[in-house]
Amino acid sequence: MNGPVSVAADLVQRAGGVIAARRRGDFAGAETLLASFETEQARTLGFYLLADLALGLVRAQTGQSPDELMRELTLLVATTSPPPD
């Protein structure tokens, strides 16, 4: 199956893999996965879809409105150090 759903699932899976690899300190693996996206548009779409799904899961667990969740995330980002390069 190579329809839009399977393409989107592949993009989300690779975006999640990038984040997982970085979290476990596998920076070379993360770079390899980043390079596996055929275009910048595909990379952007993969990370957008992953973020949208993750936010939906958090909202389902917390019951927060989208606005409440975004306020909390904005505050968290403002107080978090950037990841190492």
PDB file of N, CA and C in Angstrom:
ATOM      1  N   MET A   1       0.854  -1.192   0.000  1.00  0.00           N
ATOM      2  CA  MET A   1       0.000   0.000   0.000  1.00  0.00           C
ATOM      3  C   MET A   1       0.887   1.238   0.000  1.00  0.00           C
ATOM      4  N   ASN A   2       0.754   2.070  -1.021  1.00  0.00           N
ATOM      5  CA  ASN A   2       1.549   3.280  -1.134  1.00  0.00           C
ATOM      6  C   ASN A   2       0.679   4.519  -1.222  1.00  0.00           C
ATOM      7  N   GLY A   3      -0.473   4.494  -0.595  1.00  0.00           N
ATOM      8  CA  GLY A   3      -1.364   5.641  -0.630  1.00  0.00           C
ATOM      9  C   GLY A   3      -0.902   6.741   0.304  1.00  0.00           C
ATOM     10  N   PRO A   4      -1.681   7.823   0.358  1.00  0.00           N
ATOM     11  CA  PRO A   4      -1.314   8.962   1.197  1.00  0.00           C
ATOM     12  C   PRO A   4      -1.168   8.614   2.676  1.00  0.00           C
ATOM     13  N   VAL A   5      -1.974   7.666   3.162  1.00  0.00           N
ATOM     14  CA  VAL A   5      -1.900   7.304   4.573  1.00  0.00           C
ATOM     15  C   VAL A   5      -0.571   6.616   4.871  1.00  0.00           C
ATOM     16  N   SER A   6      -0.148   5.687   4.008  1.00  0.00           N
ATOM     17  CA  SER A   6       1.109   4.992   4.259  1.00  0.00           C
ATOM     18  C   SER A   6       2.297   5.931   4.110  1.00  0.00           C
ATOM     19  N   VAL A   7       2.215   6.883   3.193  1.00  0.00           N
ATOM     20  CA  VAL A   7       3.289   7.873   3.040  1.00  0.00           C
ATOM     21  C   VAL A   7       3.362   8.736   4.296  1.00  0.00           C
ATOM     22  N   ALA A   8       2.223   9.193   4.784  1.00  0.00           N
ATOM     23  CA  ALA A   8       2.195  10.008   6.002  1.00  0.00           C
ATOM     24  C   ALA A   8       2.723   9.216   7.193  1.00  0.00           C
ATOM     25  N   ALA A   9       2.323   7.951   7.296  1.00  0.00           N
ATOM     26  CA  ALA A   9       2.791   7.112   8.404  1.00  0.00           C
ATOM     27  C   ALA A   9       4.303   6.954   8.358  1.00  0.00           C
ATOM     28  N   ASP A  10       4.858   6.785   7.171  1.00  0.00           N
ATOM     29  CA  ASP A  10       6.304   6.668   7.014  1.00  0.00           C
ATOM     30  C   ASP A  10       7.006   7.954   7.449  1.00  0.00           C
ATOM     31  N   LEU A  11       6.473   9.099   7.051  1.00  0.00           N
ATOM     32  CA  LEU A  11       7.072  10.379   7.425  1.00  0.00           C
ATOM     33  C   LEU A  11       7.039  10.589   8.936  1.00  0.00           C
ATOM     34  N   VAL A  12       5.908  10.262   9.544  1.00  0.00           N
ATOM     35  CA  VAL A  12       5.770  10.405  11.000  1.00  0.00           C
ATOM     36  C   VAL A  12       6.727   9.459  11.713  1.00  0.00           C
ATOM     37  N   GLN A  13       6.830   8.242  11.223  1.00  0.00           N
ATOM     38  CA  GLN A  13       7.713   7.257  11.856  1.00  0.00           C
ATOM     39  C   GLN A  13       9.172   7.721  11.783  1.00  0.00           C
ATOM     40  N   ARG A  14       9.587   8.253  10.638  1.00  0.00           N
ATOM     41  CA  ARG A  14      10.965   8.740  10.530  1.00  0.00           C
ATOM     42  C   ARG A  14      11.204   9.950  11.412  1.00  0.00           C
ATOM     43  N   ALA A  15      10.237  10.864  11.486  1.00  0.00           N
ATOM     44  CA  ALA A  15      10.379  12.035  12.360  1.00  0.00           C
ATOM     45  C   ALA A  15      10.494  11.595  13.816  1.00  0.00           C
ATOM     46  N   GLY A  16       9.668  10.649  14.212  1.00  0.00           N
ATOM     47  CA  GLY A  16       9.762  10.113  15.569  1.00  0.00           C
ATOM     48  C   GLY A  16      11.095   9.429  15.809  1.00  0.00           C
ATOM     49  N   GLY A  17      11.603   8.752  14.800  1.00  0.00           N
ATOM     50  CA  GLY A  17      12.905   8.105  14.910  1.00  0.00           C
ATOM     51  C   GLY A  17      14.030   9.099  15.119  1.00  0.00           C
ATOM     52  N   VAL A  18      13.939  10.242  14.456  1.00  0.00           N
ATOM     53  CA  VAL A  18      14.947  11.296  14.640  1.00  0.00           C
ATOM     54  C   VAL A  18      14.969  11.738  16.099  1.00  0.00           C
ATOM     55  N   ILE A  19      13.798  12.003  16.635  1.00  0.00           N
ATOM     56  CA  ILE A  19      13.704  12.463  18.024  1.00  0.00           C
ATOM     57  C   ILE A  19      14.181  11.382  18.987  1.00  0.00           C
ATOM     58  N   ALA A  20      13.756  10.144  18.763  1.00  0.00           N
ATOM     59  CA  ALA A  20      14.174   9.045  19.642  1.00  0.00           C
ATOM     60  C   ALA A  20      15.691   8.862  19.600  1.00  0.00           C
ATOM     61  N   ALA A  21      16.271   8.930  18.409  1.00  0.00           N
ATOM     62  CA  ALA A  21      17.723   8.764  18.283  1.00  0.00           C
ATOM     63  C   ALA A  21      18.460   9.870  19.024  1.00  0.00           C
ATOM     64  N   ARG A  22      18.019  11.093  18.874  1.00  0.00           N
ATOM     65  CA  ARG A  22      18.668  12.209  19.588  1.00  0.00           C
ATOM     66  C   ARG A  22      18.547  12.038  21.098  1.00  0.00           C
ATOM     67  N   ARG A  23      17.390  11.603  21.560  1.00  0.00           N
ATOM     68  CA  ARG A  23      17.162  11.427  22.999  1.00  0.00           C
ATOM     69  C   ARG A  23      18.078  10.372  23.605  1.00  0.00           C
ATOM     70  N   ARG A  24      18.396   9.352  22.818  1.00  0.00           N
ATOM     71  CA  ARG A  24      19.280   8.310  23.351  1.00  0.00           C
ATOM     72  C   ARG A  24      20.745   8.586  23.033  1.00  0.00           C
ATOM     73  N   GLY A  25      21.020   9.763  22.453  1.00  0.00           N
ATOM     74  CA  GLY A  25      22.396  10.172  22.187  1.00  0.00           C
ATOM     75  C   GLY A  25      22.969   9.654  20.884  1.00  0.00           C
ATOM     76  N   ASP A  26      22.139   9.101  20.024  1.00  0.00           N
ATOM     77  CA  ASP A  26      22.588   8.591  18.730  1.00  0.00           C
ATOM     78  C   ASP A  26      22.460   9.698  17.684  1.00  0.00           C
ATOM     79  N   PHE A  27      23.378  10.653  17.737  1.00  0.00           N
ATOM     80  CA  PHE A  27      23.292  11.815  16.858  1.00  0.00           C
ATOM     81  C   PHE A  27      23.564  11.451  15.397  1.00  0.00           C
ATOM     82  N   ALA A  28      24.440  10.478  15.171  1.00  0.00           N
ATOM     83  CA  ALA A  28      24.695  10.036  13.795  1.00  0.00           C
ATOM     84  C   ALA A  28      23.445   9.384  13.204  1.00  0.00           C
ATOM     85  N   GLY A  29      22.765   8.573  14.002  1.00  0.00           N
ATOM     86  CA  GLY A  29      21.526   7.954  13.536  1.00  0.00           C
ATOM     87  C   GLY A  29      20.452   8.981  13.236  1.00  0.00           C
ATOM     88  N   ALA A  30      20.369   9.996  14.102  1.00  0.00           N
ATOM     89  CA  ALA A  30      19.394  11.064  13.879  1.00  0.00           C
ATOM     90  C   ALA A  30      19.694  11.803  12.574  1.00  0.00           C
ATOM     91  N   GLU A  31      20.970  12.076  12.334  1.00  0.00           N
ATOM     92  CA  GLU A  31      21.350  12.756  11.086  1.00  0.00           C
ATOM     93  C   GLU A  31      21.039  11.904   9.867  1.00  0.00           C
ATOM     94  N   THR A  32      21.271  10.598   9.983  1.00  0.00           N
ATOM     95  CA  THR A  32      20.967   9.693   8.873  1.00  0.00           C
ATOM     96  C   THR A  32      19.474   9.688   8.579  1.00  0.00           C
ATOM     97  N   LEU A  33      18.670   9.628   9.631  1.00  0.00           N
ATOM     98  CA  LEU A  33      17.217   9.669   9.426  1.00  0.00           C
ATOM     99  C   LEU A  33      16.771  11.002   8.837  1.00  0.00           C
ATOM    100  N   LEU A  34      17.349  12.106   9.315  1.00  0.00           N
ATOM    101  CA  LEU A  34      16.996  13.414   8.747  1.00  0.00           C
ATOM    102  C   LEU A  34      17.307  13.456   7.258  1.00  0.00           C
ATOM    103  N   ALA A  35      18.449  12.893   6.887  1.00  0.00           N
ATOM    104  CA  ALA A  35      18.853  12.896   5.479  1.00  0.00           C
ATOM    105  C   ALA A  35      17.978  11.987   4.626  1.00  0.00           C
ATOM    106  N   SER A  36      17.242  11.068   5.258  1.00  0.00           N
ATOM    107  CA  SER A  36      16.413  10.131   4.502  1.00  0.00           C
ATOM    108  C   SER A  36      15.136  10.770   3.952  1.00  0.00           C
ATOM    109  N   PHE A  37      14.790  11.954   4.422  1.00  0.00           N
ATOM    110  CA  PHE A  37      13.628  12.656   3.863  1.00  0.00           C
ATOM    111  C   PHE A  37      14.002  13.156   2.467  1.00  0.00           C
ATOM    112  N   GLU A  38      13.153  12.851   1.498  1.00  0.00           N
ATOM    113  CA  GLU A  38      13.470  13.179   0.111  1.00  0.00           C
ATOM    114  C   GLU A  38      13.509  14.682  -0.144  1.00  0.00           C
ATOM    115  N   THR A  39      12.650  15.430   0.542  1.00  0.00           N
ATOM    116  CA  THR A  39      12.580  16.880   0.334  1.00  0.00           C
ATOM    117  C   THR A  39      12.385  17.578   1.677  1.00  0.00           C
ATOM    118  N   GLU A  40      12.623  18.866   1.680  1.00  0.00           N
ATOM    119  CA  GLU A  40      12.362  19.667   2.880  1.00  0.00           C
ATOM    120  C   GLU A  40      10.868  19.664   3.193  1.00  0.00           C
ATOM    121  N   GLN A  41      10.044  19.648   2.169  1.00  0.00           N
ATOM    122  CA  GLN A  41       8.597  19.606   2.367  1.00  0.00           C
ATOM    123  C   GLN A  41       8.184  18.306   3.065  1.00  0.00           C
ATOM    124  N   ALA A  42       8.769  17.183   2.672  1.00  0.00           N
ATOM    125  CA  ALA A  42       8.456  15.905   3.310  1.00  0.00           C
ATOM    126  C   ALA A  42       8.890  15.920   4.773  1.00  0.00           C
ATOM    127  N   ARG A  43      10.061  16.473   5.044  1.00  0.00           N
ATOM    128  CA  ARG A  43      10.558  16.566   6.423  1.00  0.00           C
ATOM    129  C   ARG A  43       9.624  17.430   7.262  1.00  0.00           C
ATOM    130  N   THR A  44       9.248  18.566   6.734  1.00  0.00           N
ATOM    131  CA  THR A  44       8.351  19.470   7.450  1.00  0.00           C
ATOM    132  C   THR A  44       7.011  18.802   7.724  1.00  0.00           C
ATOM    133  N   LEU A  45       6.468  18.133   6.719  1.00  0.00           N
ATOM    134  CA  LEU A  45       5.185  17.452   6.891  1.00  0.00           C
ATOM    135  C   LEU A  45       5.287  16.349   7.944  1.00  0.00           C
ATOM    136  N   GLY A  46       6.360  15.576   7.924  1.00  0.00           N
ATOM    137  CA  GLY A  46       6.537  14.513   8.906  1.00  0.00           C
ATOM    138  C   GLY A  46       6.558  15.041  10.328  1.00  0.00           C
ATOM    139  N   PHE A  47       7.321  16.114  10.558  1.00  0.00           N
ATOM    140  CA  PHE A  47       7.393  16.673  11.906  1.00  0.00           C
ATOM    141  C   PHE A  47       6.098  17.379  12.305  1.00  0.00           C
ATOM    142  N   TYR A  48       5.432  18.010  11.335  1.00  0.00           N
ATOM    143  CA  TYR A  48       4.137  18.630  11.625  1.00  0.00           C
ATOM    144  C   TYR A  48       3.126  17.567  12.061  1.00  0.00           C
ATOM    145  N   LEU A  49       3.026  16.480  11.285  1.00  0.00           N
ATOM    146  CA  LEU A  49       2.067  15.429  11.619  1.00  0.00           C
ATOM    147  C   LEU A  49       2.392  14.785  12.964  1.00  0.00           C
ATOM    148  N   LEU A  50       3.678  14.571  13.234  1.00  0.00           N
ATOM    149  CA  LEU A  50       4.075  14.008  14.522  1.00  0.00           C
ATOM    150  C   LEU A  50       3.671  14.931  15.664  1.00  0.00           C
ATOM    151  N   ALA A  51       3.947  16.228  15.517  1.00  0.00           N
ATOM    152  CA  ALA A  51       3.584  17.188  16.562  1.00  0.00           C
ATOM    153  C   ALA A  51       2.070  17.218  16.760  1.00  0.00           C
ATOM    154  N   ASP A  52       1.323  17.207  15.679  1.00  0.00           N
ATOM    155  CA  ASP A  52      -0.136  17.255  15.777  1.00  0.00           C
ATOM    156  C   ASP A  52      -0.674  16.013  16.500  1.00  0.00           C
ATOM    157  N   LEU A  53      -0.142  14.854  16.163  1.00  0.00           N
ATOM    158  CA  LEU A  53      -0.570  13.622  16.834  1.00  0.00           C
ATOM    159  C   LEU A  53      -0.186  13.637  18.314  1.00  0.00           C
ATOM    160  N   ALA A  54       1.033  14.069  18.611  1.00  0.00           N
ATOM    161  CA  ALA A  54       1.488  14.106  20.004  1.00  0.00           C
ATOM    162  C   ALA A  54       0.637  15.067  20.828  1.00  0.00           C
ATOM    163  N   LEU A  55       0.348  16.228  20.271  1.00  0.00           N
ATOM    164  CA  LEU A  55      -0.490  17.193  20.989  1.00  0.00           C
ATOM    165  C   LEU A  55      -1.895  16.631  21.213  1.00  0.00           C
ATOM    166  N   GLY A  56      -2.406  15.903  20.233  1.00  0.00           N
ATOM    167  CA  GLY A  56      -3.714  15.271  20.402  1.00  0.00           C
ATOM    168  C   GLY A  56      -3.716  14.245  21.523  1.00  0.00           C
ATOM    169  N   LEU A  57      -2.630  13.477  21.624  1.00  0.00           N
ATOM    170  CA  LEU A  57      -2.530  12.504  22.712  1.00  0.00           C
ATOM    171  C   LEU A  57      -2.463  13.191  24.074  1.00  0.00           C
ATOM    172  N   VAL A  58      -1.684  14.258  24.165  1.00  0.00           N
ATOM    173  CA  VAL A  58      -1.582  14.989  25.432  1.00  0.00           C
ATOM    174  C   VAL A  58      -2.936  15.579  25.798  1.00  0.00           C
ATOM    175  N   ARG A  59      -3.603  16.187  24.827  1.00  0.00           N
ATOM    176  CA  ARG A  59      -4.922  16.769  25.090  1.00  0.00           C
ATOM    177  C   ARG A  59      -5.903  15.702  25.574  1.00  0.00           C
ATOM    178  N   ALA A  60      -5.864  14.523  24.954  1.00  0.00           N
ATOM    179  CA  ALA A  60      -6.772  13.443  25.355  1.00  0.00           C
ATOM    180  C   ALA A  60      -6.501  13.002  26.794  1.00  0.00           C
ATOM    181  N   GLN A  61      -5.247  12.995  27.198  1.00  0.00           N
ATOM    182  CA  GLN A  61      -4.881  12.563  28.547  1.00  0.00           C
ATOM    183  C   GLN A  61      -5.156  13.626  29.599  1.00  0.00           C
ATOM    184  N   THR A  62      -4.963  14.914  29.242  1.00  0.00           N
ATOM    185  CA  THR A  62      -5.076  15.983  30.240  1.00  0.00           C
ATOM    186  C   THR A  62      -6.423  16.677  30.233  1.00  0.00           C
ATOM    187  N   GLY A  63      -7.130  16.613  29.125  1.00  0.00           N
ATOM    188  CA  GLY A  63      -8.387  17.328  29.016  1.00  0.00           C
ATOM    189  C   GLY A  63      -8.209  18.824  28.765  1.00  0.00           C
ATOM    190  N   GLN A  64      -6.969  19.251  28.524  1.00  0.00           N
ATOM    191  CA  GLN A  64      -6.720  20.673  28.275  1.00  0.00           C
ATOM    192  C   GLN A  64      -7.261  21.085  26.907  1.00  0.00           C
ATOM    193  N   SER A  65      -7.653  22.338  26.801  1.00  0.00           N
ATOM    194  CA  SER A  65      -8.033  22.879  25.503  1.00  0.00           C
ATOM    195  C   SER A  65      -6.759  23.115  24.700  1.00  0.00           C
ATOM    196  N   PRO A  66      -6.875  23.243  23.384  1.00  0.00           N
ATOM    197  CA  PRO A  66      -5.682  23.544  22.588  1.00  0.00           C
ATOM    198  C   PRO A  66      -4.976  24.819  23.057  1.00  0.00           C
ATOM    199  N   ASP A  67      -5.727  25.849  23.405  1.00  0.00           N
ATOM    200  CA  ASP A  67      -5.123  27.099  23.866  1.00  0.00           C
ATOM    201  C   ASP A  67      -4.376  26.919  25.181  1.00  0.00           C
ATOM    202  N   GLU A  68      -4.971  26.164  26.111  1.00  0.00           N
ATOM    203  CA  GLU A  68      -4.294  25.913  27.393  1.00  0.00           C
ATOM    204  C   GLU A  68      -3.002  25.135  27.177  1.00  0.00           C
ATOM    205  N   LEU A  69      -3.062  24.130  26.341  1.00  0.00           N
ATOM    206  CA  LEU A  69      -1.892  23.320  26.072  1.00  0.00           C
ATOM    207  C   LEU A  69      -0.787  24.151  25.420  1.00  0.00           C
ATOM    208  N   MET A  70      -1.139  24.996  24.469  1.00  0.00           N
ATOM    209  CA  MET A  70      -0.135  25.821  23.799  1.00  0.00           C
ATOM    210  C   MET A  70       0.473  26.845  24.754  1.00  0.00           C
ATOM    211  N   ARG A  71      -0.313  27.399  25.658  1.00  0.00           N
ATOM    212  CA  ARG A  71       0.249  28.321  26.663  1.00  0.00           C
ATOM    213  C   ARG A  71       1.267  27.597  27.530  1.00  0.00           C
ATOM    214  N   GLU A  72       0.916  26.403  27.981  1.00  0.00           N
ATOM    215  CA  GLU A  72       1.829  25.618  28.820  1.00  0.00           C
ATOM    216  C   GLU A  72       3.101  25.255  28.058  1.00  0.00           C
ATOM    217  N   LEU A  73       2.955  24.841  26.807  1.00  0.00           N
ATOM    218  CA  LEU A  73       4.124  24.497  25.999  1.00  0.00           C
ATOM    219  C   LEU A  73       5.005  25.712  25.732  1.00  0.00           C
ATOM    220  N   THR A  74       4.398  26.853  25.489  1.00  0.00           N
ATOM    221  CA  THR A  74       5.160  28.077  25.257  1.00  0.00           C
ATOM    222  C   THR A  74       5.986  28.432  26.478  1.00  0.00           C
ATOM    223  N   LEU A  75       5.395  28.316  27.657  1.00  0.00           N
ATOM    224  CA  LEU A  75       6.142  28.581  28.888  1.00  0.00           C
ATOM    225  C   LEU A  75       7.263  27.572  29.080  1.00  0.00           C
ATOM    226  N   LEU A  76       7.001  26.324  28.776  1.00  0.00           N
ATOM    227  CA  LEU A  76       8.019  25.287  28.906  1.00  0.00           C
ATOM    228  C   LEU A  76       9.193  25.548  27.960  1.00  0.00           C
ATOM    229  N   VAL A  77       8.898  25.896  26.731  1.00  0.00           N
ATOM    230  CA  VAL A  77       9.953  26.187  25.755  1.00  0.00           C
ATOM    231  C   VAL A  77      10.774  27.396  26.197  1.00  0.00           C
ATOM    232  N   ALA A  78      10.118  28.390  26.749  1.00  0.00           N
ATOM    233  CA  ALA A  78      10.817  29.608  27.182  1.00  0.00           C
ATOM    234  C   ALA A  78      11.793  29.335  28.318  1.00  0.00           C
ATOM    235  N   THR A  79      11.559  28.277  29.087  1.00  0.00           N
ATOM    236  CA  THR A  79      12.419  27.997  30.242  1.00  0.00           C
ATOM    237  C   THR A  79      13.344  26.801  30.034  1.00  0.00           C
ATOM    238  N   THR A  80      13.363  26.249  28.814  1.00  0.00           N
ATOM    239  CA  THR A  80      14.161  25.064  28.535  1.00  0.00           C
ATOM    240  C   THR A  80      15.412  25.440  27.756  1.00  0.00           C
ATOM    241  N   SER A  81      16.531  24.832  28.129  1.00  0.00           N
ATOM    242  CA  SER A  81      17.768  25.041  27.388  1.00  0.00           C
ATOM    243  C   SER A  81      17.683  24.345  26.042  1.00  0.00           C
ATOM    244  N   PRO A  82      18.329  24.909  25.022  1.00  0.00           N
ATOM    245  CA  PRO A  82      18.318  24.247  23.718  1.00  0.00           C
ATOM    246  C   PRO A  82      19.124  22.948  23.763  1.00  0.00           C
ATOM    247  N   PRO A  83      18.753  21.976  22.905  1.00  0.00           N
ATOM    248  CA  PRO A  83      19.507  20.713  22.884  1.00  0.00           C
ATOM    249  C   PRO A  83      20.909  20.944  22.326  1.00  0.00           C
ATOM    250  N   PRO A  84      21.841  20.052  22.642  1.00  0.00           N
ATOM    251  CA  PRO A  84      23.197  20.198  22.102  1.00  0.00           C
ATOM    252  C   PRO A  84      23.192  19.975  20.590  1.00  0.00           C
ATOM    253  N   ASP A  85      24.138  20.581  19.914  1.00  0.00           N
ATOM    254  CA  ASP A  85      24.237  20.397  18.445  1.00  0.00           C
ATOM    255  C   ASP A  85      24.860  19.093  18.075  1.00  0.00           C
TER     256      ASP A  85
END
